[in-house]
C-alpha cells in the first residue's frame, strides 16, 4: 500500500534530518503542520516565521498559528 504525503513526511521527520543553515525562513507559517514545526524546532538555526492568521487555510489538517501569543520557547 503506497504512502501518502503525510506518511513520507513523518518518515522523513523520524530520520532526524539536519538542515545545514544558520537561518531558516518559514513563509506561510500559518499553514505549517506540527510535524514540520517539530523538525524545524530541532534545528540549531535561527528561525524567522512569516505568516498571516487571516490567510490560514489548512487548520483542518492540523496547521497551527504561530504569532506573538503562541511563540516557540527561546
C-alpha atoms as a PDB file:
ATOM      1  CA  UNK A   1       0.000   0.000   0.000  1.00  0.00           C
ATOM      2  CA  UNK A   2       1.582   3.313  -1.044  1.00  0.00           C
ATOM      3  CA  UNK A   3       2.101   6.076   1.478  1.00  0.00           C
ATOM      4  CA  UNK A   4       0.559   9.487   1.064  1.00  0.00           C
ATOM      5  CA  UNK A   5       2.382  12.776   1.539  1.00  0.00           C
ATOM      6  CA  UNK A   6       1.797  12.748   5.310  1.00  0.00           C
ATOM      7  CA  UNK A   7       3.354   9.281   5.616  1.00  0.00           C
ATOM      8  CA  UNK A   8       6.508  10.272   3.748  1.00  0.00           C
ATOM      9  CA  UNK A   9       6.737  13.488   5.734  1.00  0.00           C
ATOM     10  CA  UNK A  10       6.534  11.578   9.017  1.00  0.00           C
ATOM     11  CA  UNK A  11       9.190   9.080   7.894  1.00  0.00           C
ATOM     12  CA  UNK A  12      11.476  11.963   6.958  1.00  0.00           C
ATOM     13  CA  UNK A  13      10.862  13.633  10.332  1.00  0.00           C
ATOM     14  CA  UNK A  14      11.644  10.402  12.191  1.00  0.00           C
ATOM     15  CA  UNK A  15      15.040  10.261  10.458  1.00  0.00           C
ATOM     16  CA  UNK A  16      16.096  13.356  12.478  1.00  0.00           C
ATOM     17  CA  UNK A  17      17.014  15.470   9.447  1.00  0.00           C
ATOM     18  CA  UNK A  18      19.656  18.164   9.809  1.00  0.00           C
ATOM     19  CA  UNK A  19      19.230  21.386   7.867  1.00  0.00           C
ATOM     20  CA  UNK A  20      22.643  22.932   7.214  1.00  0.00           C
ATOM     21  CA  UNK A  21      21.743  26.598   7.597  1.00  0.00           C
ATOM     22  CA  UNK A  22      22.321  29.427  10.033  1.00  0.00           C
ATOM     23  CA  UNK A  23      18.888  30.920   9.387  1.00  0.00           C
ATOM     24  CA  UNK A  24      15.597  29.356   8.317  1.00  0.00           C
ATOM     25  CA  UNK A  25      12.760  31.486   6.933  1.00  0.00           C
ATOM     26  CA  UNK A  26       9.359  29.808   7.198  1.00  0.00           C
ATOM     27  CA  UNK A  27       6.948  31.628   4.900  1.00  0.00           C
ATOM     28  CA  UNK A  28       3.212  30.915   5.138  1.00  0.00           C
ATOM     29  CA  UNK A  29       3.854  29.777   8.716  1.00  0.00           C
ATOM     30  CA  UNK A  30       0.128  29.863   9.459  1.00  0.00           C
ATOM     31  CA  UNK A  31      -0.295  26.747   7.288  1.00  0.00           C
ATOM     32  CA  UNK A  32       2.604  24.717   8.688  1.00  0.00           C
ATOM     33  CA  UNK A  33       1.734  21.357  10.198  1.00  0.00           C
ATOM     34  CA  UNK A  34       3.072  20.171  13.564  1.00  0.00           C
ATOM     35  CA  UNK A  35       5.461  17.606  12.020  1.00  0.00           C
ATOM     36  CA  UNK A  36       7.319  20.289  10.048  1.00  0.00           C
ATOM     37  CA  UNK A  37       7.358  22.625  13.059  1.00  0.00           C
ATOM     38  CA  UNK A  38       8.857  19.853  15.182  1.00  0.00           C
ATOM     39  CA  UNK A  39      11.645  19.267  12.644  1.00  0.00           C
ATOM     40  CA  UNK A  40      12.373  22.992  12.459  1.00  0.00           C
ATOM     41  CA  UNK A  41      12.420  23.419  16.254  1.00  0.00           C
ATOM     42  CA  UNK A  42      15.162  20.789  16.488  1.00  0.00           C
ATOM     43  CA  UNK A  43      17.472  22.731  14.167  1.00  0.00           C
ATOM     44  CA  UNK A  44      20.261  24.872  15.620  1.00  0.00           C
ATOM     45  CA  UNK A  45      19.451  27.643  13.126  1.00  0.00           C
ATOM     46  CA  UNK A  46      17.751  30.913  13.968  1.00  0.00           C
ATOM     47  CA  UNK A  47      14.090  30.787  12.859  1.00  0.00           C
ATOM     48  CA  UNK A  48      12.053  33.538  11.223  1.00  0.00           C
ATOM     49  CA  UNK A  49       8.317  32.876  10.936  1.00  0.00           C
ATOM     50  CA  UNK A  50       6.242  34.847   8.405  1.00  0.00           C
ATOM     51  CA  UNK A  51       2.504  34.334   8.280  1.00  0.00           C
ATOM     52  CA  UNK A  52      -0.942  35.854   8.452  1.00  0.00           C
ATOM     53  CA  UNK A  53      -3.566  34.243  10.683  1.00  0.00           C
ATOM     54  CA  UNK A  54      -6.281  35.689   8.441  1.00  0.00           C
ATOM     55  CA  UNK A  55      -4.988  33.657   5.481  1.00  0.00           C
ATOM     56  CA  UNK A  56      -4.873  30.288   7.227  1.00  0.00           C
ATOM     57  CA  UNK A  57      -6.412  27.614   5.000  1.00  0.00           C
ATOM     58  CA  UNK A  58      -5.032  24.350   6.443  1.00  0.00           C
ATOM     59  CA  UNK A  59      -6.266  24.484  10.027  1.00  0.00           C
ATOM     60  CA  UNK A  60      -8.425  21.435   9.251  1.00  0.00           C
ATOM     61  CA  UNK A  61      -5.173  19.473   8.598  1.00  0.00           C
ATOM     62  CA  UNK A  62      -3.615  20.444  11.904  1.00  0.00           C
ATOM     63  CA  UNK A  63      -1.802  23.619  10.865  1.00  0.00           C
ATOM     64  CA  UNK A  64      -1.064  25.841  13.831  1.00  0.00           C
ATOM     65  CA  UNK A  65      -0.868  29.597  14.027  1.00  0.00           C
ATOM     66  CA  UNK A  66       2.457  30.916  15.306  1.00  0.00           C
ATOM     67  CA  UNK A  67       2.018  34.529  16.362  1.00  0.00           C
ATOM     68  CA  UNK A  68       3.102  36.801  19.187  1.00  0.00           C
ATOM     69  CA  UNK A  69       0.794  34.970  21.597  1.00  0.00           C
ATOM     70  CA  UNK A  70       1.907  31.480  20.611  1.00  0.00           C
ATOM     71  CA  UNK A  71       5.692  31.537  20.235  1.00  0.00           C
ATOM     72  CA  UNK A  72       8.328  28.866  20.416  1.00  0.00           C
ATOM     73  CA  UNK A  73      10.189  28.903  23.718  1.00  0.00           C
ATOM     74  CA  UNK A  74      13.553  30.640  23.494  1.00  0.00           C
END
